[in-house]
Every structure is written in structure tokens, then in C-alpha cells.
Amino acid sequence: MDNRLKDLREDRDLFQKDIAEFLDMSQTGYSKYEVGTNDIPTDILKKLALFYNTSIDYILGLTNIKEPYPRKK
């Protein structure tokens, strides 16, 4: 995965500690997701996609389209 998480975070002028707090985890743990040391659990991917208003596919580098998919009703 390229550094999409870092780019999304920096686009909002946030620090790793800010996102870690949002996810209720340590900054070190979140950092490992950002640099690709640890795989991101599905529940965390969902939270990040909703937070950044994008798709999980974008976060994972499977698409270059930032816009989220339409939500189910």
C-alpha cells in the first residue's frame, strides 16, 4: 500500500496521535498501519473510510477514485 493513510491524514492537518485517539489505540499501533508493518483490521478500515469519506478500496490502493461508494439504505 502506498502512503494513502498518511496522505489522507496530512490533507486534514492531523497527527498520528489524533487518528490513534479517534481509533482508541496507541500512536505506535496506528503508525504501524500507516507504514505497512501491520495489516489493518476490517473494523479499523471501515472507521477510517467513514472518517475520511472515502472507500476502503482507495485506502488499500485498489482504486485512485477518492469518492466513497454509494451507501446501502
N, C-alpha and C. Protein backbone atom coordinates (compact mmCIF):
# COMPACT_ATOMS: atom_id res chain seq x y z
N MET A 1 0.86 -1.18 0.00
CA MET A 1 0.00 0.00 0.00
C MET A 1 0.90 1.23 0.00
N ASP A 2 0.63 2.13 -0.93
CA ASP A 2 1.37 3.39 -0.87
C ASP A 2 0.87 4.16 0.36
N ASN A 3 1.36 5.31 0.58
CA ASN A 3 1.10 6.04 1.82
C ASN A 3 -0.23 6.79 1.81
N ARG A 4 -1.29 6.12 1.42
CA ARG A 4 -2.60 6.78 1.35
C ARG A 4 -3.08 7.25 2.71
N LEU A 5 -2.89 6.43 3.73
CA LEU A 5 -3.34 6.85 5.06
C LEU A 5 -2.62 8.11 5.51
N LYS A 6 -1.33 8.16 5.26
CA LYS A 6 -0.56 9.35 5.64
C LYS A 6 -1.04 10.56 4.85
N ASP A 7 -1.25 10.38 3.55
CA ASP A 7 -1.73 11.49 2.71
C ASP A 7 -3.10 11.99 3.18
N LEU A 8 -4.02 11.06 3.45
CA LEU A 8 -5.35 11.46 3.92
C LEU A 8 -5.26 12.22 5.24
N ARG A 9 -4.42 11.72 6.13
CA ARG A 9 -4.25 12.36 7.44
C ARG A 9 -3.65 13.76 7.29
N GLU A 10 -2.60 13.86 6.50
CA GLU A 10 -1.94 15.16 6.32
C GLU A 10 -2.82 16.15 5.58
N ASP A 11 -3.67 15.68 4.67
CA ASP A 11 -4.61 16.57 3.97
C ASP A 11 -5.54 17.27 4.96
N ARG A 12 -5.76 16.66 6.11
CA ARG A 12 -6.62 17.25 7.14
C ARG A 12 -5.81 17.90 8.26
N ASP A 13 -4.51 18.03 8.04
CA ASP A 13 -3.61 18.63 9.04
C ASP A 13 -3.72 17.95 10.41
N LEU A 14 -3.76 16.63 10.39
CA LEU A 14 -3.85 15.85 11.62
C LEU A 14 -2.53 15.13 11.88
N PHE A 15 -2.32 14.76 13.13
CA PHE A 15 -1.16 13.99 13.53
C PHE A 15 -1.57 12.54 13.76
N GLN A 16 -0.61 11.66 13.75
CA GLN A 16 -0.90 10.24 14.02
C GLN A 16 -1.62 10.07 15.35
N LYS A 17 -1.21 10.86 16.34
CA LYS A 17 -1.85 10.74 17.66
C LYS A 17 -3.34 11.09 17.60
N ASP A 18 -3.71 12.00 16.70
CA ASP A 18 -5.13 12.38 16.55
C ASP A 18 -5.95 11.20 16.03
N ILE A 19 -5.43 10.53 15.03
CA ILE A 19 -6.14 9.38 14.45
C ILE A 19 -6.13 8.22 15.43
N ALA A 20 -5.01 8.02 16.11
CA ALA A 20 -4.93 6.95 17.11
C ALA A 20 -5.98 7.17 18.20
N GLU A 21 -6.14 8.40 18.65
CA GLU A 21 -7.17 8.71 19.66
C GLU A 21 -8.56 8.40 19.12
N PHE A 22 -8.83 8.80 17.88
CA PHE A 22 -10.13 8.52 17.25
C PHE A 22 -10.40 7.02 17.21
N LEU A 23 -9.35 6.24 16.94
CA LEU A 23 -9.49 4.79 16.85
C LEU A 23 -9.35 4.09 18.20
N ASP A 24 -9.10 4.87 19.25
CA ASP A 24 -8.93 4.34 20.61
C ASP A 24 -7.79 3.32 20.66
N MET A 25 -6.63 3.75 20.16
CA MET A 25 -5.45 2.89 20.16
C MET A 25 -4.22 3.76 20.37
N SER A 26 -3.05 3.13 20.47
CA SER A 26 -1.82 3.88 20.67
C SER A 26 -1.35 4.49 19.35
N GLN A 27 -0.57 5.55 19.46
CA GLN A 27 0.01 6.18 18.28
C GLN A 27 0.95 5.20 17.58
N THR A 28 1.70 4.42 18.35
CA THR A 28 2.62 3.44 17.79
C THR A 28 1.87 2.39 16.98
N GLY A 29 0.75 1.92 17.52
CA GLY A 29 -0.07 0.93 16.81
C GLY A 29 -0.59 1.48 15.50
N TYR A 30 -1.09 2.72 15.54
CA TYR A 30 -1.59 3.33 14.31
C TYR A 30 -0.46 3.54 13.31
N SER A 31 0.69 3.95 13.78
CA SER A 31 1.84 4.18 12.91
C SER A 31 2.18 2.94 12.10
N LYS A 32 2.03 1.77 12.72
CA LYS A 32 2.34 0.52 12.02
C LYS A 32 1.38 0.26 10.86
N TYR A 33 0.15 0.75 10.97
CA TYR A 33 -0.78 0.66 9.84
C TYR A 33 -0.32 1.59 8.72
N GLU A 34 0.07 2.79 9.11
CA GLU A 34 0.46 3.79 8.12
C GLU A 34 1.69 3.39 7.31
N VAL A 35 2.65 2.78 7.96
CA VAL A 35 3.89 2.39 7.25
C VAL A 35 3.80 0.99 6.65
N GLY A 36 2.71 0.28 6.95
CA GLY A 36 2.51 -1.03 6.34
C GLY A 36 3.15 -2.19 7.09
N THR A 37 3.60 -1.94 8.32
CA THR A 37 4.18 -3.01 9.13
C THR A 37 3.11 -4.01 9.57
N ASN A 38 1.93 -3.50 9.93
CA ASN A 38 0.81 -4.34 10.35
C ASN A 38 -0.35 -4.19 9.38
N ASP A 39 -1.05 -5.30 9.14
CA ASP A 39 -2.28 -5.24 8.35
C ASP A 39 -3.36 -4.54 9.16
N ILE A 40 -4.24 -3.84 8.46
CA ILE A 40 -5.31 -3.09 9.12
C ILE A 40 -6.55 -3.98 9.23
N PRO A 41 -7.05 -4.19 10.45
CA PRO A 41 -8.28 -4.98 10.61
C PRO A 41 -9.46 -4.33 9.90
N THR A 42 -10.40 -5.15 9.49
CA THR A 42 -11.56 -4.68 8.74
C THR A 42 -12.33 -3.60 9.49
N ASP A 43 -12.53 -3.77 10.80
CA ASP A 43 -13.30 -2.76 11.54
C ASP A 43 -12.59 -1.41 11.55
N ILE A 44 -11.26 -1.41 11.58
CA ILE A 44 -10.49 -0.17 11.54
C ILE A 44 -10.57 0.44 10.14
N LEU A 45 -10.50 -0.39 9.11
CA LEU A 45 -10.63 0.11 7.73
C LEU A 45 -11.98 0.80 7.54
N LYS A 46 -13.03 0.21 8.07
CA LYS A 46 -14.36 0.83 7.95
C LYS A 46 -14.39 2.20 8.63
N LYS A 47 -13.86 2.26 9.84
CA LYS A 47 -13.85 3.53 10.57
C LYS A 47 -13.05 4.59 9.82
N LEU A 48 -11.90 4.20 9.27
CA LEU A 48 -11.07 5.16 8.54
C LEU A 48 -11.75 5.62 7.26
N ALA A 49 -12.39 4.71 6.54
CA ALA A 49 -13.08 5.08 5.31
C ALA A 49 -14.21 6.06 5.61
N LEU A 50 -14.96 5.82 6.67
CA LEU A 50 -16.04 6.74 7.04
C LEU A 50 -15.47 8.07 7.51
N PHE A 51 -14.41 8.04 8.31
CA PHE A 51 -13.79 9.26 8.81
C PHE A 51 -13.29 10.14 7.67
N TYR A 52 -12.61 9.52 6.70
CA TYR A 52 -12.03 10.27 5.59
C TYR A 52 -12.99 10.43 4.40
N ASN A 53 -14.20 9.89 4.53
CA ASN A 53 -15.19 9.97 3.46
C ASN A 53 -14.63 9.45 2.14
N THR A 54 -14.10 8.25 2.21
CA THR A 54 -13.54 7.59 1.03
C THR A 54 -13.90 6.12 1.08
N SER A 55 -13.36 5.33 0.18
CA SER A 55 -13.65 3.90 0.18
C SER A 55 -12.47 3.12 0.74
N ILE A 56 -12.75 1.93 1.23
CA ILE A 56 -11.69 1.04 1.68
C ILE A 56 -10.77 0.72 0.51
N ASP A 57 -11.33 0.55 -0.68
CA ASP A 57 -10.51 0.28 -1.86
C ASP A 57 -9.50 1.40 -2.11
N TYR A 58 -9.89 2.64 -1.89
CA TYR A 58 -8.95 3.75 -2.06
C TYR A 58 -7.84 3.67 -1.02
N ILE A 59 -8.20 3.43 0.24
CA ILE A 59 -7.20 3.32 1.30
C ILE A 59 -6.20 2.21 0.98
N LEU A 60 -6.69 1.10 0.45
CA LEU A 60 -5.83 -0.04 0.16
C LEU A 60 -5.09 0.08 -1.17
N GLY A 61 -5.36 1.14 -1.92
CA GLY A 61 -4.66 1.35 -3.19
C GLY A 61 -5.22 0.56 -4.35
N LEU A 62 -6.46 0.08 -4.23
CA LEU A 62 -7.08 -0.70 -5.30
C LEU A 62 -7.75 0.18 -6.35
N THR A 63 -7.96 1.45 -6.02
CA THR A 63 -8.54 2.41 -6.95
C THR A 63 -7.91 3.77 -6.67
N ASN A 64 -7.95 4.64 -7.65
CA ASN A 64 -7.48 6.01 -7.47
C ASN A 64 -8.63 6.98 -7.27
N ILE A 65 -9.84 6.46 -7.21
CA ILE A 65 -11.03 7.29 -7.01
C ILE A 65 -11.26 7.47 -5.51
N LYS A 66 -11.16 8.72 -5.04
CA LYS A 66 -11.29 9.00 -3.61
C LYS A 66 -12.72 8.94 -3.11
N GLU A 67 -13.68 9.23 -3.98
CA GLU A 67 -15.07 9.31 -3.54
C GLU A 67 -15.55 7.95 -3.02
N PRO A 68 -16.33 7.97 -1.94
CA PRO A 68 -16.85 6.71 -1.41
C PRO A 68 -17.93 6.13 -2.32
N TYR A 69 -18.14 4.84 -2.17
CA TYR A 69 -19.23 4.20 -2.91
C TYR A 69 -20.56 4.66 -2.31
N PRO A 70 -21.64 4.60 -3.09
CA PRO A 70 -22.95 4.92 -2.51
C PRO A 70 -23.26 3.97 -1.36
N ARG A 71 -23.87 4.48 -0.31
CA ARG A 71 -24.19 3.67 0.86
C ARG A 71 -25.48 2.90 0.65
N LYS A 72 -25.55 1.75 1.31
CA LYS A 72 -26.79 0.98 1.32
C LYS A 72 -27.83 1.71 2.14
N LYS A 73 -29.08 1.50 1.80
CA LYS A 73 -30.16 2.12 2.56
C LYS A 73 -30.78 1.12 3.49
